[in-house]
C-alpha atoms as a PDB file:
ATOM      1  CA  UNK A   1       0.000   0.000   0.000  1.00  0.00           C
ATOM      2  CA  UNK A   2       1.296   3.430  -0.923  1.00  0.00           C
ATOM      3  CA  UNK A   3       2.247   5.674   1.979  1.00  0.00           C
ATOM      4  CA  UNK A   4       3.473   9.275   1.527  1.00  0.00           C
ATOM      5  CA  UNK A   5       7.081   9.902   2.597  1.00  0.00           C
ATOM      6  CA  UNK A   6       6.386  13.405   3.879  1.00  0.00           C
ATOM      7  CA  UNK A   7       3.378  15.163   5.335  1.00  0.00           C
ATOM      8  CA  UNK A   8       1.443  17.544   2.985  1.00  0.00           C
ATOM      9  CA  UNK A   9       1.969  21.137   4.065  1.00  0.00           C
ATOM     10  CA  UNK A  10      -0.894  23.431   5.016  1.00  0.00           C
ATOM     11  CA  UNK A  11      -0.395  25.790   2.060  1.00  0.00           C
ATOM     12  CA  UNK A  12      -0.339  22.917  -0.458  1.00  0.00           C
ATOM     13  CA  UNK A  13      -3.479  21.481   1.121  1.00  0.00           C
ATOM     14  CA  UNK A  14      -5.185  24.903   0.976  1.00  0.00           C
ATOM     15  CA  UNK A  15      -4.215  25.365  -2.684  1.00  0.00           C
ATOM     16  CA  UNK A  16      -5.678  21.968  -3.544  1.00  0.00           C
ATOM     17  CA  UNK A  17      -8.933  22.671  -1.696  1.00  0.00           C
ATOM     18  CA  UNK A  18      -9.286  26.183  -3.179  1.00  0.00           C
ATOM     19  CA  UNK A  19     -11.424  24.753  -5.996  1.00  0.00           C
ATOM     20  CA  UNK A  20     -13.944  23.107  -3.670  1.00  0.00           C
ATOM     21  CA  UNK A  21     -16.761  25.593  -3.844  1.00  0.00           C
ATOM     22  CA  UNK A  22     -20.281  25.377  -2.569  1.00  0.00           C
ATOM     23  CA  UNK A  23     -22.713  26.298  -5.309  1.00  0.00           C
ATOM     24  CA  UNK A  24     -26.282  27.439  -4.922  1.00  0.00           C
ATOM     25  CA  UNK A  25     -28.681  24.886  -6.457  1.00  0.00           C
ATOM     26  CA  UNK A  26     -30.722  26.225  -9.360  1.00  0.00           C
ATOM     27  CA  UNK A  27     -34.426  26.541  -8.714  1.00  0.00           C
ATOM     28  CA  UNK A  28     -37.516  27.247 -10.772  1.00  0.00           C
ATOM     29  CA  UNK A  29     -41.157  27.906 -10.056  1.00  0.00           C
ATOM     30  CA  UNK A  30     -43.794  25.215 -10.403  1.00  0.00           C
ATOM     31  CA  UNK A  31     -46.088  25.781 -13.388  1.00  0.00           C
ATOM     32  CA  UNK A  32     -49.047  24.397 -11.468  1.00  0.00           C
ATOM     33  CA  UNK A  33     -48.864  25.966  -7.995  1.00  0.00           C
ATOM     34  CA  UNK A  34     -46.042  28.537  -8.242  1.00  0.00           C
ATOM     35  CA  UNK A  35     -43.912  27.055  -5.445  1.00  0.00           C
ATOM     36  CA  UNK A  36     -40.110  27.169  -5.626  1.00  0.00           C
ATOM     37  CA  UNK A  37     -38.799  23.815  -6.853  1.00  0.00           C
ATOM     38  CA  UNK A  38     -35.357  22.386  -7.626  1.00  0.00           C
ATOM     39  CA  UNK A  39     -34.887  21.999 -11.366  1.00  0.00           C
ATOM     40  CA  UNK A  40     -35.683  18.605 -12.922  1.00  0.00           C
ATOM     41  CA  UNK A  41     -37.599  17.396  -9.853  1.00  0.00           C
ATOM     42  CA  UNK A  42     -41.262  16.852  -8.988  1.00  0.00           C
ATOM     43  CA  UNK A  43     -42.913  19.674  -7.025  1.00  0.00           C
ATOM     44  CA  UNK A  44     -43.124  18.732  -3.349  1.00  0.00           C
ATOM     45  CA  UNK A  45     -46.206  20.913  -2.865  1.00  0.00           C
ATOM     46  CA  UNK A  46     -48.560  19.705  -5.597  1.00  0.00           C
ATOM     47  CA  UNK A  47     -46.867  16.644  -7.165  1.00  0.00           C
ATOM     48  CA  UNK A  48     -46.607  17.957 -10.745  1.00  0.00           C
ATOM     49  CA  UNK A  49     -43.598  17.849 -13.096  1.00  0.00           C
ATOM     50  CA  UNK A  50     -43.534  19.788 -16.380  1.00  0.00           C
ATOM     51  CA  UNK A  51     -47.269  20.445 -16.099  1.00  0.00           C
ATOM     52  CA  UNK A  52     -48.207  16.756 -15.723  1.00  0.00           C
ATOM     53  CA  UNK A  53     -49.316  14.819 -12.642  1.00  0.00           C
ATOM     54  CA  UNK A  54     -46.322  12.766 -11.475  1.00  0.00           C
ATOM     55  CA  UNK A  55     -46.983  12.075  -7.794  1.00  0.00           C
ATOM     56  CA  UNK A  56     -49.728  10.692  -5.589  1.00  0.00           C
ATOM     57  CA  UNK A  57     -50.102  14.175  -4.113  1.00  0.00           C
ATOM     58  CA  UNK A  58     -51.664  15.495  -7.328  1.00  0.00           C
ATOM     59  CA  UNK A  59     -55.452  15.034  -7.575  1.00  0.00           C
ATOM     60  CA  UNK A  60     -55.464  13.766 -11.191  1.00  0.00           C
ATOM     61  CA  UNK A  61     -52.644  11.260 -10.767  1.00  0.00           C
ATOM     62  CA  UNK A  62     -53.262   8.009 -12.655  1.00  0.00           C
ATOM     63  CA  UNK A  63     -51.348   4.996 -11.443  1.00  0.00           C
ATOM     64  CA  UNK A  64     -49.768   3.053 -14.277  1.00  0.00           C
ATOM     65  CA  UNK A  65     -47.846  -0.157 -14.050  1.00  0.00           C
ATOM     66  CA  UNK A  66     -45.239  -0.232 -16.750  1.00  0.00           C
ATOM     67  CA  UNK A  67     -43.943  -3.661 -15.871  1.00  0.00           C
ATOM     68  CA  UNK A  68     -47.275  -5.348 -16.635  1.00  0.00           C
ATOM     69  CA  UNK A  69     -47.789  -3.566 -19.943  1.00  0.00           C
ATOM     70  CA  UNK A  70     -44.326  -4.131 -21.367  1.00  0.00           C
ATOM     71  CA  UNK A  71     -43.530  -7.700 -20.456  1.00  0.00           C
ATOM     72  CA  UNK A  72     -41.150  -9.385 -22.826  1.00  0.00           C
ATOM     73  CA  UNK A  73     -42.548 -12.476 -24.533  1.00  0.00           C
ATOM     74  CA  UNK A  74     -41.297 -15.687 -23.029  1.00  0.00           C
ATOM     75  CA  UNK A  75     -39.193 -18.030 -25.070  1.00  0.00           C
ATOM     76  CA  UNK A  76     -41.393 -20.844 -26.263  1.00  0.00           C
ATOM     77  CA  UNK A  77     -40.203 -24.362 -25.871  1.00  0.00           C
ATOM     78  CA  UNK A  78     -41.027 -27.385 -28.013  1.00  0.00           C
ATOM     79  CA  UNK A  79     -43.657 -28.452 -25.519  1.00  0.00           C
ATOM     80  CA  UNK A  80     -45.367 -25.069 -25.648  1.00  0.00           C
ATOM     81  CA  UNK A  81     -45.354 -25.160 -29.467  1.00  0.00           C
ATOM     82  CA  UNK A  82     -46.993 -28.603 -29.438  1.00  0.00           C
ATOM     83  CA  UNK A  83     -49.681 -27.344 -27.070  1.00  0.00           C
ATOM     84  CA  UNK A  84     -50.350 -24.382 -29.392  1.00  0.00           C
ATOM     85  CA  UNK A  85     -50.780 -26.741 -32.352  1.00  0.00           C
ATOM     86  CA  UNK A  86     -53.206 -28.903 -30.367  1.00  0.00           C
ATOM     87  CA  UNK A  87     -55.210 -25.832 -29.356  1.00  0.00           C
ATOM     88  CA  UNK A  88     -55.394 -24.680 -32.993  1.00  0.00           C
ATOM     89  CA  UNK A  89     -56.545 -28.126 -34.140  1.00  0.00           C
ATOM     90  CA  UNK A  90     -59.276 -28.275 -31.509  1.00  0.00           C
ATOM     91  CA  UNK A  91     -60.396 -24.774 -32.473  1.00  0.00           C
ATOM     92  CA  UNK A  92     -60.761 -25.817 -36.117  1.00  0.00           C
ATOM     93  CA  UNK A  93     -62.623 -28.968 -35.081  1.00  0.00           C
ATOM     94  CA  UNK A  94     -65.050 -26.900 -33.013  1.00  0.00           C
ATOM     95  CA  UNK A  95     -65.623 -24.568 -35.960  1.00  0.00           C
ATOM     96  CA  UNK A  96     -66.250 -27.519 -38.277  1.00  0.00           C
ATOM     97  CA  UNK A  97     -68.784 -29.002 -35.841  1.00  0.00           C
ATOM     98  CA  UNK A  98     -70.500 -25.637 -35.529  1.00  0.00           C
ATOM     99  CA  UNK A  99     -70.801 -25.419 -39.334  1.00  0.00           C
ATOM    100  CA  UNK A 100     -72.259 -28.923 -39.500  1.00  0.00           C
ATOM    101  CA  UNK A 101     -74.876 -28.139 -36.883  1.00  0.00           C
ATOM    102  CA  UNK A 102     -75.872 -24.907 -38.613  1.00  0.00           C
ATOM    103  CA  UNK A 103     -76.096 -26.656 -42.022  1.00  0.00           C
ATOM    104  CA  UNK A 104     -78.063 -29.640 -40.751  1.00  0.00           C
ATOM    105  CA  UNK A 105     -81.175 -27.719 -39.599  1.00  0.00           C
ATOM    106  CA  UNK A 106     -81.148 -25.737 -42.833  1.00  0.00           C
ATOM    107  CA  UNK A 107     -81.231 -28.975 -44.851  1.00  0.00           C
ATOM    108  CA  UNK A 108     -84.113 -30.407 -42.814  1.00  0.00           C
ATOM    109  CA  UNK A 109     -86.132 -27.235 -43.294  1.00  0.00           C
ATOM    110  CA  UNK A 110     -85.631 -27.338 -47.056  1.00  0.00           C
ATOM    111  CA  UNK A 111     -86.522 -31.040 -47.109  1.00  0.00           C
ATOM    112  CA  UNK A 112     -89.711 -30.367 -45.174  1.00  0.00           C
ATOM    113  CA  UNK A 113     -90.729 -27.636 -47.635  1.00  0.00           C
ATOM    114  CA  UNK A 114     -90.186 -29.964 -50.622  1.00  0.00           C
ATOM    115  CA  UNK A 115     -92.241 -32.712 -48.979  1.00  0.00           C
ATOM    116  CA  UNK A 116     -95.242 -30.392 -48.527  1.00  0.00           C
END
């Protein structure tokens, strides 16, 4: 581990620290309520940021869950693909059965009319 051979003098230390200055943070006024607010932050009084509701404090705040809306699609495995194919086949079978049942009563009605 590095250790200095000699102690740093007071004047050298003061010269080095001469550039450490405290600066006044920049502030703006809130567009909604007029309170003094740090720049690029939500207003602590009303909960607005750039004229939009951004905090629970604001009355028209709408809670949104980004994680639920933008979920990445899961990688599908071979098993999941097989299940999808089976579901598609059963859906087509159900549609075919529905067509048969709708056609069958129509045929019986036409047959009855021809018999009369």
